[in-house]
Amino acid sequence: MLASLGKPREEQRDRLLSGSPKLYEDVKQIVQDTLPQTHYDMKGCTILTFKEDLPLLKEKITEYVDKFKQAE
């Protein structure tokens, strides 16, 4: 069963996206680099994946965001 990565709170998402226009593209790349192609589906701004893959994606995306924050 596919699960959504979940929507961060609107304010957090808007703040992150305004700080890095390429953030979404980077997150897409993280998903592609982390998971087998059969474990995700991307359409527009939506990324679907298996529920069991969410902890690993959360870890990888959190690492990326932490590095992004340190660079500010």
PDB file of N, CA and C in Angstrom:
ATOM      1  N   MET A   1       0.839  -1.179   0.000  1.00  0.00           N
ATOM      2  CA  MET A   1       0.000   0.000   0.000  1.00  0.00           C
ATOM      3  C   MET A   1       0.884   1.242   0.000  1.00  0.00           C
ATOM      4  N   LEU A   2       0.548   2.201  -0.843  1.00  0.00           N
ATOM      5  CA  LEU A   2       1.304   3.444  -0.909  1.00  0.00           C
ATOM      6  C   LEU A   2       0.814   4.409   0.156  1.00  0.00           C
ATOM      7  N   ALA A   3       1.734   5.182   0.696  1.00  0.00           N
ATOM      8  CA  ALA A   3       1.403   6.185   1.712  1.00  0.00           C
ATOM      9  C   ALA A   3       1.998   7.517   1.292  1.00  0.00           C
ATOM     10  N   SER A   4       1.328   8.570   1.620  1.00  0.00           N
ATOM     11  CA  SER A   4       1.839   9.906   1.319  1.00  0.00           C
ATOM     12  C   SER A   4       2.957  10.248   2.288  1.00  0.00           C
ATOM     13  N   LEU A   5       3.943  11.019   1.817  1.00  0.00           N
ATOM     14  CA  LEU A   5       4.996  11.492   2.715  1.00  0.00           C
ATOM     15  C   LEU A   5       4.419  12.371   3.803  1.00  0.00           C
ATOM     16  N   GLY A   6       3.220  12.822   3.619  1.00  0.00           N
ATOM     17  CA  GLY A   6       2.597  13.689   4.603  1.00  0.00           C
ATOM     18  C   GLY A   6       2.863  15.140   4.263  1.00  0.00           C
ATOM     19  N   LYS A   7       1.951  15.980   4.665  1.00  0.00           N
ATOM     20  CA  LYS A   7       2.087  17.398   4.372  1.00  0.00           C
ATOM     21  C   LYS A   7       2.588  18.108   5.618  1.00  0.00           C
ATOM     22  N   PRO A   8       3.737  18.758   5.512  1.00  0.00           N
ATOM     23  CA  PRO A   8       4.150  19.552   6.668  1.00  0.00           C
ATOM     24  C   PRO A   8       3.169  20.687   6.853  1.00  0.00           C
ATOM     25  N   ARG A   9       3.175  21.280   8.005  1.00  0.00           N
ATOM     26  CA  ARG A   9       2.285  22.420   8.217  1.00  0.00           C
ATOM     27  C   ARG A   9       2.531  23.448   7.138  1.00  0.00           C
ATOM     28  N   GLU A  10       1.457  24.088   6.707  1.00  0.00           N
ATOM     29  CA  GLU A  10       1.524  25.056   5.603  1.00  0.00           C
ATOM     30  C   GLU A  10       2.637  26.083   5.814  1.00  0.00           C
ATOM     31  N   GLU A  11       2.741  26.637   7.007  1.00  0.00           N
ATOM     32  CA  GLU A  11       3.740  27.678   7.269  1.00  0.00           C
ATOM     33  C   GLU A  11       5.155  27.138   7.120  1.00  0.00           C
ATOM     34  N   GLN A  12       5.410  25.960   7.659  1.00  0.00           N
ATOM     35  CA  GLN A  12       6.741  25.370   7.562  1.00  0.00           C
ATOM     36  C   GLN A  12       7.091  25.104   6.108  1.00  0.00           C
ATOM     37  N   ARG A  13       6.152  24.545   5.368  1.00  0.00           N
ATOM     38  CA  ARG A  13       6.391  24.250   3.959  1.00  0.00           C
ATOM     39  C   ARG A  13       6.675  25.528   3.189  1.00  0.00           C
ATOM     40  N   ASP A  14       5.848  26.545   3.398  1.00  0.00           N
ATOM     41  CA  ASP A  14       6.034  27.802   2.675  1.00  0.00           C
ATOM     42  C   ASP A  14       7.380  28.439   3.010  1.00  0.00           C
ATOM     43  N   ARG A  15       7.771  28.388   4.277  1.00  0.00           N
ATOM     44  CA  ARG A  15       9.050  28.971   4.688  1.00  0.00           C
ATOM     45  C   ARG A  15      10.213  28.228   4.037  1.00  0.00           C
ATOM     46  N   LEU A  16      10.153  26.909   4.046  1.00  0.00           N
ATOM     47  CA  LEU A  16      11.223  26.129   3.430  1.00  0.00           C
ATOM     48  C   LEU A  16      11.294  26.370   1.930  1.00  0.00           C
ATOM     49  N   LEU A  17      10.144  26.362   1.274  1.00  0.00           N
ATOM     50  CA  LEU A  17      10.138  26.545  -0.175  1.00  0.00           C
ATOM     51  C   LEU A  17      10.585  27.936  -0.571  1.00  0.00           C
ATOM     52  N   SER A  18      10.228  28.943   0.214  1.00  0.00           N
ATOM     53  CA  SER A  18      10.653  30.298  -0.124  1.00  0.00           C
ATOM     54  C   SER A  18      12.154  30.460   0.109  1.00  0.00           C
ATOM     55  N   GLY A  19      12.715  29.695   1.024  1.00  0.00           N
ATOM     56  CA  GLY A  19      14.144  29.773   1.298  1.00  0.00           C
ATOM     57  C   GLY A  19      14.983  29.059   0.263  1.00  0.00           C
ATOM     58  N   SER A  20      14.419  28.091  -0.403  1.00  0.00           N
ATOM     59  CA  SER A  20      15.150  27.330  -1.408  1.00  0.00           C
ATOM     60  C   SER A  20      14.193  26.899  -2.501  1.00  0.00           C
ATOM     61  N   PRO A  21      14.176  27.646  -3.608  1.00  0.00           N
ATOM     62  CA  PRO A  21      13.265  27.290  -4.694  1.00  0.00           C
ATOM     63  C   PRO A  21      13.525  25.890  -5.229  1.00  0.00           C
ATOM     64  N   LYS A  22      14.703  25.384  -5.012  1.00  0.00           N
ATOM     65  CA  LYS A  22      15.017  24.068  -5.553  1.00  0.00           C
ATOM     66  C   LYS A  22      14.816  22.954  -4.531  1.00  0.00           C
ATOM     67  N   LEU A  23      14.269  23.289  -3.373  1.00  0.00           N
ATOM     68  CA  LEU A  23      14.064  22.300  -2.320  1.00  0.00           C
ATOM     69  C   LEU A  23      13.257  21.104  -2.804  1.00  0.00           C
ATOM     70  N   TYR A  24      12.143  21.355  -3.484  1.00  0.00           N
ATOM     71  CA  TYR A  24      11.307  20.240  -3.929  1.00  0.00           C
ATOM     72  C   TYR A  24      12.082  19.336  -4.877  1.00  0.00           C
ATOM     73  N   GLU A  25      12.838  19.927  -5.783  1.00  0.00           N
ATOM     74  CA  GLU A  25      13.643  19.120  -6.705  1.00  0.00           C
ATOM     75  C   GLU A  25      14.675  18.298  -5.935  1.00  0.00           C
ATOM     76  N   ASP A  26      15.252  18.884  -4.893  1.00  0.00           N
ATOM     77  CA  ASP A  26      16.221  18.156  -4.076  1.00  0.00           C
ATOM     78  C   ASP A  26      15.559  16.996  -3.339  1.00  0.00           C
ATOM     79  N   VAL A  27      14.359  17.214  -2.812  1.00  0.00           N
ATOM     80  CA  VAL A  27      13.637  16.143  -2.114  1.00  0.00           C
ATOM     81  C   VAL A  27      13.302  15.021  -3.098  1.00  0.00           C
ATOM     82  N   LYS A  28      12.868  15.381  -4.291  1.00  0.00           N
ATOM     83  CA  LYS A  28      12.609  14.357  -5.311  1.00  0.00           C
ATOM     84  C   LYS A  28      13.872  13.535  -5.570  1.00  0.00           C
ATOM     85  N   GLN A  29      15.006  14.209  -5.654  1.00  0.00           N
ATOM     86  CA  GLN A  29      16.270  13.507  -5.902  1.00  0.00           C
ATOM     87  C   GLN A  29      16.632  12.602  -4.737  1.00  0.00           C
ATOM     88  N   ILE A  30      16.395  13.057  -3.509  1.00  0.00           N
ATOM     89  CA  ILE A  30      16.652  12.223  -2.332  1.00  0.00           C
ATOM     90  C   ILE A  30      15.815  10.955  -2.404  1.00  0.00           C
ATOM     91  N   VAL A  31      14.547  11.089  -2.751  1.00  0.00           N
ATOM     92  CA  VAL A  31      13.667   9.921  -2.870  1.00  0.00           C
ATOM     93  C   VAL A  31      14.207   8.973  -3.936  1.00  0.00           C
ATOM     94  N   GLN A  32      14.569   9.509  -5.089  1.00  0.00           N
ATOM     95  CA  GLN A  32      15.079   8.680  -6.186  1.00  0.00           C
ATOM     96  C   GLN A  32      16.389   7.990  -5.816  1.00  0.00           C
ATOM     97  N   ASP A  33      17.247   8.681  -5.066  1.00  0.00           N
ATOM     98  CA  ASP A  33      18.537   8.110  -4.669  1.00  0.00           C
ATOM     99  C   ASP A  33      18.411   7.102  -3.533  1.00  0.00           C
ATOM    100  N   THR A  34      17.344   7.204  -2.746  1.00  0.00           N
ATOM    101  CA  THR A  34      17.202   6.394  -1.540  1.00  0.00           C
ATOM    102  C   THR A  34      16.392   5.119  -1.761  1.00  0.00           C
ATOM    103  N   LEU A  35      15.348   5.208  -2.572  1.00  0.00           N
ATOM    104  CA  LEU A  35      14.418   4.087  -2.717  1.00  0.00           C
ATOM    105  C   LEU A  35      14.509   3.438  -4.093  1.00  0.00           C
ATOM    106  N   PRO A  36      14.182   2.146  -4.158  1.00  0.00           N
ATOM    107  CA  PRO A  36      14.057   1.514  -5.473  1.00  0.00           C
ATOM    108  C   PRO A  36      12.907   2.169  -6.243  1.00  0.00           C
ATOM    109  N   GLN A  37      13.012   2.208  -7.543  1.00  0.00           N
ATOM    110  CA  GLN A  37      12.010   2.883  -8.374  1.00  0.00           C
ATOM    111  C   GLN A  37      10.604   2.324  -8.161  1.00  0.00           C
ATOM    112  N   THR A  38      10.501   1.073  -7.785  1.00  0.00           N
ATOM    113  CA  THR A  38       9.188   0.455  -7.568  1.00  0.00           C
ATOM    114  C   THR A  38       8.553   0.855  -6.235  1.00  0.00           C
ATOM    115  N   HIS A  39       9.268   1.615  -5.407  1.00  0.00           N
ATOM    116  CA  HIS A  39       8.759   1.990  -4.087  1.00  0.00           C
ATOM    117  C   HIS A  39       8.200   3.400  -4.009  1.00  0.00           C
ATOM    118  N   TYR A  40       8.162   4.126  -5.111  1.00  0.00           N
ATOM    119  CA  TYR A  40       7.615   5.476  -5.078  1.00  0.00           C
ATOM    120  C   TYR A  40       6.963   5.824  -6.411  1.00  0.00           C
ATOM    121  N   ASP A  41       6.101   6.829  -6.343  1.00  0.00           N
ATOM    122  CA  ASP A  41       5.450   7.372  -7.530  1.00  0.00           C
ATOM    123  C   ASP A  41       5.406   8.882  -7.353  1.00  0.00           C
ATOM    124  N   MET A  42       5.853   9.608  -8.370  1.00  0.00           N
ATOM    125  CA  MET A  42       5.865  11.070  -8.312  1.00  0.00           C
ATOM    126  C   MET A  42       4.990  11.621  -9.420  1.00  0.00           C
ATOM    127  N   LYS A  43       4.075  12.493  -9.026  1.00  0.00           N
ATOM    128  CA  LYS A  43       3.211  13.184  -9.986  1.00  0.00           C
ATOM    129  C   LYS A  43       3.049  14.612  -9.506  1.00  0.00           C
ATOM    130  N   GLY A  44       3.576  15.549 -10.270  1.00  0.00           N
ATOM    131  CA  GLY A  44       3.492  16.950  -9.865  1.00  0.00           C
ATOM    132  C   GLY A  44       4.201  17.161  -8.543  1.00  0.00           C
ATOM    133  N   CYS A  45       3.491  17.714  -7.584  1.00  0.00           N
ATOM    134  CA  CYS A  45       4.073  17.989  -6.261  1.00  0.00           C
ATOM    135  C   CYS A  45       3.785  16.880  -5.259  1.00  0.00           C
ATOM    136  N   THR A  46       3.305  15.746  -5.738  1.00  0.00           N
ATOM    137  CA  THR A  46       2.941  14.640  -4.855  1.00  0.00           C
ATOM    138  C   THR A  46       3.940  13.498  -4.998  1.00  0.00           C
ATOM    139  N   ILE A  47       4.402  13.003  -3.865  1.00  0.00           N
ATOM    140  CA  ILE A  47       5.268  11.831  -3.832  1.00  0.00           C
ATOM    141  C   ILE A  47       4.558  10.777  -2.991  1.00  0.00           C
ATOM    142  N   LEU A  48       4.295   9.634  -3.590  1.00  0.00           N
ATOM    143  CA  LEU A  48       3.687   8.515  -2.869  1.00  0.00           C
ATOM    144  C   LEU A  48       4.744   7.441  -2.673  1.00  0.00           C
ATOM    145  N   THR A  49       4.720   6.819  -1.499  1.00  0.00           N
ATOM    146  CA  THR A  49       5.664   5.744  -1.223  1.00  0.00           C
ATOM    147  C   THR A  49       5.031   4.757  -0.251  1.00  0.00           C
ATOM    148  N   PHE A  50       5.700   3.653  -0.025  1.00  0.00           N
ATOM    149  CA  PHE A  50       5.212   2.676   0.932  1.00  0.00           C
ATOM    150  C   PHE A  50       5.436   3.189   2.355  1.00  0.00           C
ATOM    151  N   LYS A  51       4.495   2.879   3.211  1.00  0.00           N
ATOM    152  CA  LYS A  51       4.551   3.344   4.601  1.00  0.00           C
ATOM    153  C   LYS A  51       5.860   2.934   5.282  1.00  0.00           C
ATOM    154  N   GLU A  52       6.333   1.735   4.997  1.00  0.00           N
ATOM    155  CA  GLU A  52       7.564   1.264   5.649  1.00  0.00           C
ATOM    156  C   GLU A  52       8.810   2.034   5.195  1.00  0.00           C
ATOM    157  N   ASP A  53       8.715   2.762   4.093  1.00  0.00           N
ATOM    158  CA  ASP A  53       9.851   3.563   3.620  1.00  0.00           C
ATOM    159  C   ASP A  53       9.916   4.948   4.267  1.00  0.00           C
ATOM    160  N   LEU A  54       8.860   5.357   4.929  1.00  0.00           N
ATOM    161  CA  LEU A  54       8.799   6.711   5.485  1.00  0.00           C
ATOM    162  C   LEU A  54       9.891   7.020   6.517  1.00  0.00           C
ATOM    163  N   PRO A  55      10.219   6.107   7.456  1.00  0.00           N
ATOM    164  CA  PRO A  55      11.273   6.444   8.429  1.00  0.00           C
ATOM    165  C   PRO A  55      12.623   6.741   7.761  1.00  0.00           C
ATOM    166  N   LEU A  56      12.997   5.962   6.763  1.00  0.00           N
ATOM    167  CA  LEU A  56      14.258   6.203   6.065  1.00  0.00           C
ATOM    168  C   LEU A  56      14.219   7.527   5.310  1.00  0.00           C
ATOM    169  N   LEU A  57      13.110   7.809   4.637  1.00  0.00           N
ATOM    170  CA  LEU A  57      12.994   9.079   3.923  1.00  0.00           C
ATOM    171  C   LEU A  57      13.017  10.256   4.888  1.00  0.00           C
ATOM    172  N   LYS A  58      12.347  10.097   6.014  1.00  0.00           N
ATOM    173  CA  LYS A  58      12.357  11.172   7.017  1.00  0.00           C
ATOM    174  C   LYS A  58      13.784  11.455   7.467  1.00  0.00           C
ATOM    175  N   GLU A  59      14.548  10.415   7.711  1.00  0.00           N
ATOM    176  CA  GLU A  59      15.943  10.573   8.133  1.00  0.00           C
ATOM    177  C   GLU A  59      16.760  11.311   7.065  1.00  0.00           C
ATOM    178  N   LYS A  60      16.645  10.884   5.815  1.00  0.00           N
ATOM    179  CA  LYS A  60      17.421  11.491   4.726  1.00  0.00           C
ATOM    180  C   LYS A  60      17.011  12.944   4.483  1.00  0.00           C
ATOM    181  N   ILE A  61      15.723  13.212   4.505  1.00  0.00           N
ATOM    182  CA  ILE A  61      15.240  14.578   4.262  1.00  0.00           C
ATOM    183  C   ILE A  61      15.594  15.477   5.439  1.00  0.00           C
ATOM    184  N   THR A  62      15.529  14.946   6.661  1.00  0.00           N
ATOM    185  CA  THR A  62      15.914  15.718   7.840  1.00  0.00           C
ATOM    186  C   THR A  62      17.392  16.088   7.777  1.00  0.00           C
ATOM    187  N   GLU A  63      18.243  15.149   7.357  1.00  0.00           N
ATOM    188  CA  GLU A  63      19.669  15.447   7.190  1.00  0.00           C
ATOM    189  C   GLU A  63      19.854  16.586   6.189  1.00  0.00           C
ATOM    190  N   TYR A  64      19.134  16.526   5.085  1.00  0.00           N
ATOM    191  CA  TYR A  64      19.226  17.571   4.060  1.00  0.00           C
ATOM    192  C   TYR A  64      18.792  18.926   4.623  1.00  0.00           C
ATOM    193  N   VAL A  65      17.657  18.957   5.304  1.00  0.00           N
ATOM    194  CA  VAL A  65      17.131  20.216   5.844  1.00  0.00           C
ATOM    195  C   VAL A  65      18.080  20.772   6.905  1.00  0.00           C
ATOM    196  N   ASP A  66      18.652  19.903   7.744  1.00  0.00           N
ATOM    197  CA  ASP A  66      19.603  20.361   8.758  1.00  0.00           C
ATOM    198  C   ASP A  66      20.826  21.007   8.112  1.00  0.00           C
ATOM    199  N   LYS A  67      21.335  20.410   7.040  1.00  0.00           N
ATOM    200  CA  LYS A  67      22.473  21.003   6.315  1.00  0.00           C
ATOM    201  C   LYS A  67      22.065  22.334   5.699  1.00  0.00           C
ATOM    202  N   PHE A  68      20.856  22.392   5.182  1.00  0.00           N
ATOM    203  CA  PHE A  68      20.334  23.617   4.576  1.00  0.00           C
ATOM    204  C   PHE A  68      20.255  24.727   5.617  1.00  0.00           C
ATOM    205  N   LYS A  69      19.771  24.394   6.820  1.00  0.00           N
ATOM    206  CA  LYS A  69      19.651  25.386   7.892  1.00  0.00           C
ATOM    207  C   LYS A  69      21.022  25.885   8.340  1.00  0.00           C
ATOM    208  N   GLN A  70      22.013  24.986   8.401  1.00  0.00           N
ATOM    209  CA  GLN A  70      23.361  25.370   8.817  1.00  0.00           C
ATOM    210  C   GLN A  70      23.995  26.329   7.816  1.00  0.00           C
ATOM    211  N   ALA A  71      23.635  26.199   6.554  1.00  0.00           N
ATOM    212  CA  ALA A  71      24.210  27.047   5.505  1.00  0.00           C
ATOM    213  C   ALA A  71      23.645  28.460   5.545  1.00  0.00           C
ATOM    214  N   GLU A  72      22.502  28.655   6.213  1.00  0.00           N
ATOM    215  CA  GLU A  72      21.873  29.985   6.260  1.00  0.00           C
ATOM    216  C   GLU A  72      22.674  30.961   7.069  1.00  0.00           C
TER     217      GLU A  72
END
